Amino acid sequence: MAVNNPGFNKMLYANVINLTPGTLTVDITKDGYIIHALNENFAKGLDGFILEKLVLKLEEKK
């Protein structure tokens, strides 16, 4: 099932980030997210995050 609602998908990914240990989504902006991480290693863990790819896949049209 494709969910073609970018606003919903951005909110969904922000909540996924909140579930990642050591990270918190502070705000969603037009260009991305403002994320607080307890240390640099937690922030680096978000680069290439598999759940980001899965949320982006929701936007693909079938």
PDB file of N, CA and C in Angstrom:
ATOM      1  N   MET A   1       0.844  -1.174   0.000  1.00  0.00           N
ATOM      2  CA  MET A   1       0.000   0.000   0.000  1.00  0.00           C
ATOM      3  C   MET A   1       0.893   1.241   0.000  1.00  0.00           C
ATOM      4  N   ALA A   2       0.723   2.105  -0.962  1.00  0.00           N
ATOM      5  CA  ALA A   2       1.499   3.337  -1.042  1.00  0.00           C
ATOM      6  C   ALA A   2       0.760   4.457  -0.326  1.00  0.00           C
ATOM      7  N   VAL A   3       1.466   5.192   0.488  1.00  0.00           N
ATOM      8  CA  VAL A   3       0.899   6.354   1.164  1.00  0.00           C
ATOM      9  C   VAL A   3       1.541   7.575   0.529  1.00  0.00           C
ATOM     10  N   ASN A   4       0.807   8.236  -0.345  1.00  0.00           N
ATOM     11  CA  ASN A   4       1.364   9.378  -1.064  1.00  0.00           C
ATOM     12  C   ASN A   4       0.950  10.673  -0.369  1.00  0.00           C
ATOM     13  N   ASN A   5       1.394  10.828   0.876  1.00  0.00           N
ATOM     14  CA  ASN A   5       1.120  12.017   1.659  1.00  0.00           C
ATOM     15  C   ASN A   5       2.425  12.429   2.334  1.00  0.00           C
ATOM     16  N   PRO A   6       3.174  13.328   1.702  1.00  0.00           N
ATOM     17  CA  PRO A   6       4.482  13.699   2.236  1.00  0.00           C
ATOM     18  C   PRO A   6       4.439  14.208   3.680  1.00  0.00           C
ATOM     19  N   GLY A   7       3.395  14.930   4.064  1.00  0.00           N
ATOM     20  CA  GLY A   7       3.279  15.424   5.432  1.00  0.00           C
ATOM     21  C   GLY A   7       3.184  14.289   6.432  1.00  0.00           C
ATOM     22  N   PHE A   8       2.380  13.299   6.114  1.00  0.00           N
ATOM     23  CA  PHE A   8       2.245  12.134   6.987  1.00  0.00           C
ATOM     24  C   PHE A   8       3.564  11.370   7.068  1.00  0.00           C
ATOM     25  N   ASN A   9       4.211  11.193   5.940  1.00  0.00           N
ATOM     26  CA  ASN A   9       5.463  10.439   5.912  1.00  0.00           C
ATOM     27  C   ASN A   9       6.571  11.154   6.673  1.00  0.00           C
ATOM     28  N   LYS A  10       6.619  12.497   6.593  1.00  0.00           N
ATOM     29  CA  LYS A  10       7.606  13.249   7.375  1.00  0.00           C
ATOM     30  C   LYS A  10       7.348  13.069   8.867  1.00  0.00           C
ATOM     31  N   MET A  11       6.085  13.124   9.268  1.00  0.00           N
ATOM     32  CA  MET A  11       5.729  12.936  10.667  1.00  0.00           C
ATOM     33  C   MET A  11       6.063  11.517  11.117  1.00  0.00           C
ATOM     34  N   LEU A  12       5.800  10.554  10.271  1.00  0.00           N
ATOM     35  CA  LEU A  12       6.097   9.157  10.594  1.00  0.00           C
ATOM     36  C   LEU A  12       7.592   8.969  10.812  1.00  0.00           C
ATOM     37  N   TYR A  13       8.414   9.523   9.917  1.00  0.00           N
ATOM     38  CA  TYR A  13       9.863   9.376  10.065  1.00  0.00           C
ATOM     39  C   TYR A  13      10.371  10.119  11.298  1.00  0.00           C
ATOM     40  N   ALA A  14       9.803  11.272  11.596  1.00  0.00           N
ATOM     41  CA  ALA A  14      10.196  12.000  12.816  1.00  0.00           C
ATOM     42  C   ALA A  14       9.940  11.141  14.046  1.00  0.00           C
ATOM     43  N   ASN A  15       8.836  10.431  14.068  1.00  0.00           N
ATOM     44  CA  ASN A  15       8.528   9.551  15.195  1.00  0.00           C
ATOM     45  C   ASN A  15       9.439   8.331  15.222  1.00  0.00           C
ATOM     46  N   VAL A  16       9.832   7.845  14.059  1.00  0.00           N
ATOM     47  CA  VAL A  16      10.783   6.730  13.998  1.00  0.00           C
ATOM     48  C   VAL A  16      12.119   7.161  14.605  1.00  0.00           C
ATOM     49  N   ILE A  17      12.550   8.386  14.291  1.00  0.00           N
ATOM     50  CA  ILE A  17      13.792   8.902  14.869  1.00  0.00           C
ATOM     51  C   ILE A  17      13.680   8.948  16.391  1.00  0.00           C
ATOM     52  N   ASN A  18      12.525   9.364  16.902  1.00  0.00           N
ATOM     53  CA  ASN A  18      12.330   9.426  18.351  1.00  0.00           C
ATOM     54  C   ASN A  18      12.469   8.052  19.008  1.00  0.00           C
ATOM     55  N   LEU A  19      12.188   7.008  18.288  1.00  0.00           N
ATOM     56  CA  LEU A  19      12.309   5.650  18.832  1.00  0.00           C
ATOM     57  C   LEU A  19      13.749   5.143  18.810  1.00  0.00           C
ATOM     58  N   THR A  20      14.622   5.866  18.099  1.00  0.00           N
ATOM     59  CA  THR A  20      16.025   5.484  18.014  1.00  0.00           C
ATOM     60  C   THR A  20      16.729   5.943  19.288  1.00  0.00           C
ATOM     61  N   PRO A  21      17.404   5.059  19.990  1.00  0.00           N
ATOM     62  CA  PRO A  21      18.052   5.447  21.244  1.00  0.00           C
ATOM     63  C   PRO A  21      19.015   6.631  21.071  1.00  0.00           C
ATOM     64  N   GLY A  22      18.899   7.600  21.957  1.00  0.00           N
ATOM     65  CA  GLY A  22      19.803   8.736  21.972  1.00  0.00           C
ATOM     66  C   GLY A  22      19.454   9.856  21.029  1.00  0.00           C
ATOM     67  N   THR A  23      18.299   9.802  20.380  1.00  0.00           N
ATOM     68  CA  THR A  23      17.917  10.842  19.424  1.00  0.00           C
ATOM     69  C   THR A  23      16.512  11.350  19.708  1.00  0.00           C
ATOM     70  N   LEU A  24      16.282  12.597  19.309  1.00  0.00           N
ATOM     71  CA  LEU A  24      14.976  13.218  19.486  1.00  0.00           C
ATOM     72  C   LEU A  24      14.757  14.203  18.346  1.00  0.00           C
ATOM     73  N   THR A  25      13.648  14.087  17.649  1.00  0.00           N
ATOM     74  CA  THR A  25      13.296  15.058  16.616  1.00  0.00           C
ATOM     75  C   THR A  25      12.713  16.274  17.308  1.00  0.00           C
ATOM     76  N   VAL A  26      13.378  17.416  17.136  1.00  0.00           N
ATOM     77  CA  VAL A  26      12.957  18.649  17.788  1.00  0.00           C
ATOM     78  C   VAL A  26      11.944  19.396  16.917  1.00  0.00           C
ATOM     79  N   ASP A  27      12.174  19.373  15.593  1.00  0.00           N
ATOM     80  CA  ASP A  27      11.287  20.103  14.692  1.00  0.00           C
ATOM     81  C   ASP A  27      11.376  19.503  13.295  1.00  0.00           C
ATOM     82  N   ILE A  28      10.303  19.675  12.543  1.00  0.00           N
ATOM     83  CA  ILE A  28      10.274  19.301  11.131  1.00  0.00           C
ATOM     84  C   ILE A  28      10.231  20.608  10.355  1.00  0.00           C
ATOM     85  N   THR A  29      11.202  20.792   9.457  1.00  0.00           N
ATOM     86  CA  THR A  29      11.257  22.007   8.653  1.00  0.00           C
ATOM     87  C   THR A  29      10.941  21.679   7.202  1.00  0.00           C
ATOM     88  N   LYS A  30      10.888  22.709   6.392  1.00  0.00           N
ATOM     89  CA  LYS A  30      10.631  22.510   4.964  1.00  0.00           C
ATOM     90  C   LYS A  30      11.725  21.662   4.325  1.00  0.00           C
ATOM     91  N   ASP A  31      12.963  21.851   4.808  1.00  0.00           N
ATOM     92  CA  ASP A  31      14.116  21.186   4.201  1.00  0.00           C
ATOM     93  C   ASP A  31      14.539  19.902   4.890  1.00  0.00           C
ATOM     94  N   GLY A  32      13.955  19.581   6.022  1.00  0.00           N
ATOM     95  CA  GLY A  32      14.363  18.363   6.726  1.00  0.00           C
ATOM     96  C   GLY A  32      13.931  18.367   8.174  1.00  0.00           C
ATOM     97  N   TYR A  33      14.818  17.911   9.019  1.00  0.00           N
ATOM     98  CA  TYR A  33      14.508  17.730  10.433  1.00  0.00           C
ATOM     99  C   TYR A  33      15.581  18.383  11.291  1.00  0.00           C
ATOM    100  N   ILE A  34      15.184  18.859  12.465  1.00  0.00           N
ATOM    101  CA  ILE A  34      16.138  19.282  13.478  1.00  0.00           C
ATOM    102  C   ILE A  34      16.125  18.182  14.530  1.00  0.00           C
ATOM    103  N   ILE A  35      17.287  17.527  14.670  1.00  0.00           N
ATOM    104  CA  ILE A  35      17.385  16.355  15.535  1.00  0.00           C
ATOM    105  C   ILE A  35      18.423  16.609  16.615  1.00  0.00           C
ATOM    106  N   HIS A  36      18.066  16.303  17.845  1.00  0.00           N
ATOM    107  CA  HIS A  36      19.013  16.375  18.962  1.00  0.00           C
ATOM    108  C   HIS A  36      19.516  14.957  19.206  1.00  0.00           C
ATOM    109  N   ALA A  37      20.834  14.820  19.293  1.00  0.00           N
ATOM    110  CA  ALA A  37      21.436  13.521  19.599  1.00  0.00           C
ATOM    111  C   ALA A  37      22.298  13.674  20.847  1.00  0.00           C
ATOM    112  N   LEU A  38      22.290  12.665  21.702  1.00  0.00           N
ATOM    113  CA  LEU A  38      23.067  12.728  22.937  1.00  0.00           C
ATOM    114  C   LEU A  38      24.563  12.812  22.678  1.00  0.00           C
ATOM    115  N   ASN A  39      25.012  12.185  21.601  1.00  0.00           N
ATOM    116  CA  ASN A  39      26.414  12.322  21.206  1.00  0.00           C
ATOM    117  C   ASN A  39      26.533  12.097  19.699  1.00  0.00           C
ATOM    118  N   GLU A  40      27.716  12.333  19.184  1.00  0.00           N
ATOM    119  CA  GLU A  40      27.944  12.270  17.736  1.00  0.00           C
ATOM    120  C   GLU A  40      27.686  10.880  17.161  1.00  0.00           C
ATOM    121  N   ASN A  41      27.964   9.841  17.926  1.00  0.00           N
ATOM    122  CA  ASN A  41      27.746   8.476  17.436  1.00  0.00           C
ATOM    123  C   ASN A  41      26.272   8.196  17.166  1.00  0.00           C
ATOM    124  N   PHE A  42      25.392   8.731  18.004  1.00  0.00           N
ATOM    125  CA  PHE A  42      23.962   8.543  17.760  1.00  0.00           C
ATOM    126  C   PHE A  42      23.547   9.256  16.479  1.00  0.00           C
ATOM    127  N   ALA A  43      24.084  10.446  16.252  1.00  0.00           N
ATOM    128  CA  ALA A  43      23.753  11.208  15.041  1.00  0.00           C
ATOM    129  C   ALA A  43      24.263  10.488  13.797  1.00  0.00           C
ATOM    130  N   LYS A  44      25.469   9.955  13.863  1.00  0.00           N
ATOM    131  CA  LYS A  44      26.032   9.237  12.715  1.00  0.00           C
ATOM    132  C   LYS A  44      25.202   8.008  12.369  1.00  0.00           C
ATOM    133  N   GLY A  45      24.572   7.412  13.369  1.00  0.00           N
ATOM    134  CA  GLY A  45      23.750   6.230  13.137  1.00  0.00           C
ATOM    135  C   GLY A  45      22.531   6.499  12.277  1.00  0.00           C
ATOM    136  N   LEU A  46      22.171   7.770  12.129  1.00  0.00           N
ATOM    137  CA  LEU A  46      21.011   8.113  11.301  1.00  0.00           C
ATOM    138  C   LEU A  46      21.362   8.230   9.822  1.00  0.00           C
ATOM    139  N   ASP A  47      22.639   8.363   9.489  1.00  0.00           N
ATOM    140  CA  ASP A  47      23.054   8.417   8.091  1.00  0.00           C
ATOM    141  C   ASP A  47      22.815   7.063   7.432  1.00  0.00           C
ATOM    142  N   GLY A  48      22.024   7.059   6.360  1.00  0.00           N
ATOM    143  CA  GLY A  48      21.724   5.809   5.673  1.00  0.00           C
ATOM    144  C   GLY A  48      20.824   4.885   6.467  1.00  0.00           C
ATOM    145  N   PHE A  49      20.058   5.455   7.389  1.00  0.00           N
ATOM    146  CA  PHE A  49      19.169   4.697   8.276  1.00  0.00           C
ATOM    147  C   PHE A  49      18.153   3.906   7.450  1.00  0.00           C
ATOM    148  N   ILE A  50      18.085   2.617   7.672  1.00  0.00           N
ATOM    149  CA  ILE A  50      17.206   1.740   6.883  1.00  0.00           C
ATOM    150  C   ILE A  50      15.731   2.151   7.005  1.00  0.00           C
ATOM    151  N   LEU A  51      15.331   2.641   8.178  1.00  0.00           N
ATOM    152  CA  LEU A  51      13.928   3.024   8.335  1.00  0.00           C
ATOM    153  C   LEU A  51      13.579   4.256   7.510  1.00  0.00           C
ATOM    154  N   GLU A  52      14.565   5.122   7.248  1.00  0.00           N
ATOM    155  CA  GLU A  52      14.325   6.254   6.356  1.00  0.00           C
ATOM    156  C   GLU A  52      13.989   5.741   4.957  1.00  0.00           C
ATOM    157  N   LYS A  53      14.723   4.755   4.503  1.00  0.00           N
ATOM    158  CA  LYS A  53      14.475   4.181   3.183  1.00  0.00           C
ATOM    159  C   LYS A  53      13.093   3.539   3.112  1.00  0.00           C
ATOM    160  N   LEU A  54      12.686   2.902   4.199  1.00  0.00           N
ATOM    161  CA  LEU A  54      11.366   2.266   4.215  1.00  0.00           C
ATOM    162  C   LEU A  54      10.246   3.300   4.190  1.00  0.00           C
ATOM    163  N   VAL A  55      10.417   4.395   4.915  1.00  0.00           N
ATOM    164  CA  VAL A  55       9.394   5.453   4.901  1.00  0.00           C
ATOM    165  C   VAL A  55       9.350   6.102   3.518  1.00  0.00           C
ATOM    166  N   LEU A  56      10.506   6.333   2.899  1.00  0.00           N
ATOM    167  CA  LEU A  56      10.508   6.902   1.552  1.00  0.00           C
ATOM    168  C   LEU A  56       9.846   5.964   0.547  1.00  0.00           C
ATOM    169  N   LYS A  57       9.967   4.687   0.784  1.00  0.00           N
ATOM    170  CA  LYS A  57       9.340   3.698  -0.095  1.00  0.00           C
ATOM    171  C   LYS A  57       7.811   3.814  -0.069  1.00  0.00           C
ATOM    172  N   LEU A  58       7.262   4.296   1.057  1.00  0.00           N
ATOM    173  CA  LEU A  58       5.819   4.492   1.149  1.00  0.00           C
ATOM    174  C   LEU A  58       5.327   5.507   0.120  1.00  0.00           C
ATOM    175  N   GLU A  59       6.189   6.435  -0.267  1.00  0.00           N
ATOM    176  CA  GLU A  59       5.796   7.482  -1.209  1.00  0.00           C
ATOM    177  C   GLU A  59       5.856   7.033  -2.661  1.00  0.00           C
ATOM    178  N   GLU A  60       6.496   5.891  -2.914  1.00  0.00           N
ATOM    179  CA  GLU A  60       6.597   5.413  -4.291  1.00  0.00           C
ATOM    180  C   GLU A  60       5.241   4.994  -4.818  1.00  0.00           C
ATOM    181  N   LYS A  61       5.008   5.333  -6.060  1.00  0.00           N
ATOM    182  CA  LYS A  61       3.760   4.911  -6.705  1.00  0.00           C
ATOM    183  C   LYS A  61       3.954   3.521  -7.279  1.00  0.00           C
ATOM    184  N   LYS A  62       2.947   2.722  -7.161  1.00  0.00           N
ATOM    185  CA  LYS A  62       3.011   1.360  -7.706  1.00  0.00           C
ATOM    186  C   LYS A  62       2.260   1.281  -8.996  1.00  0.00           C
TER     187      LYS A  62
END
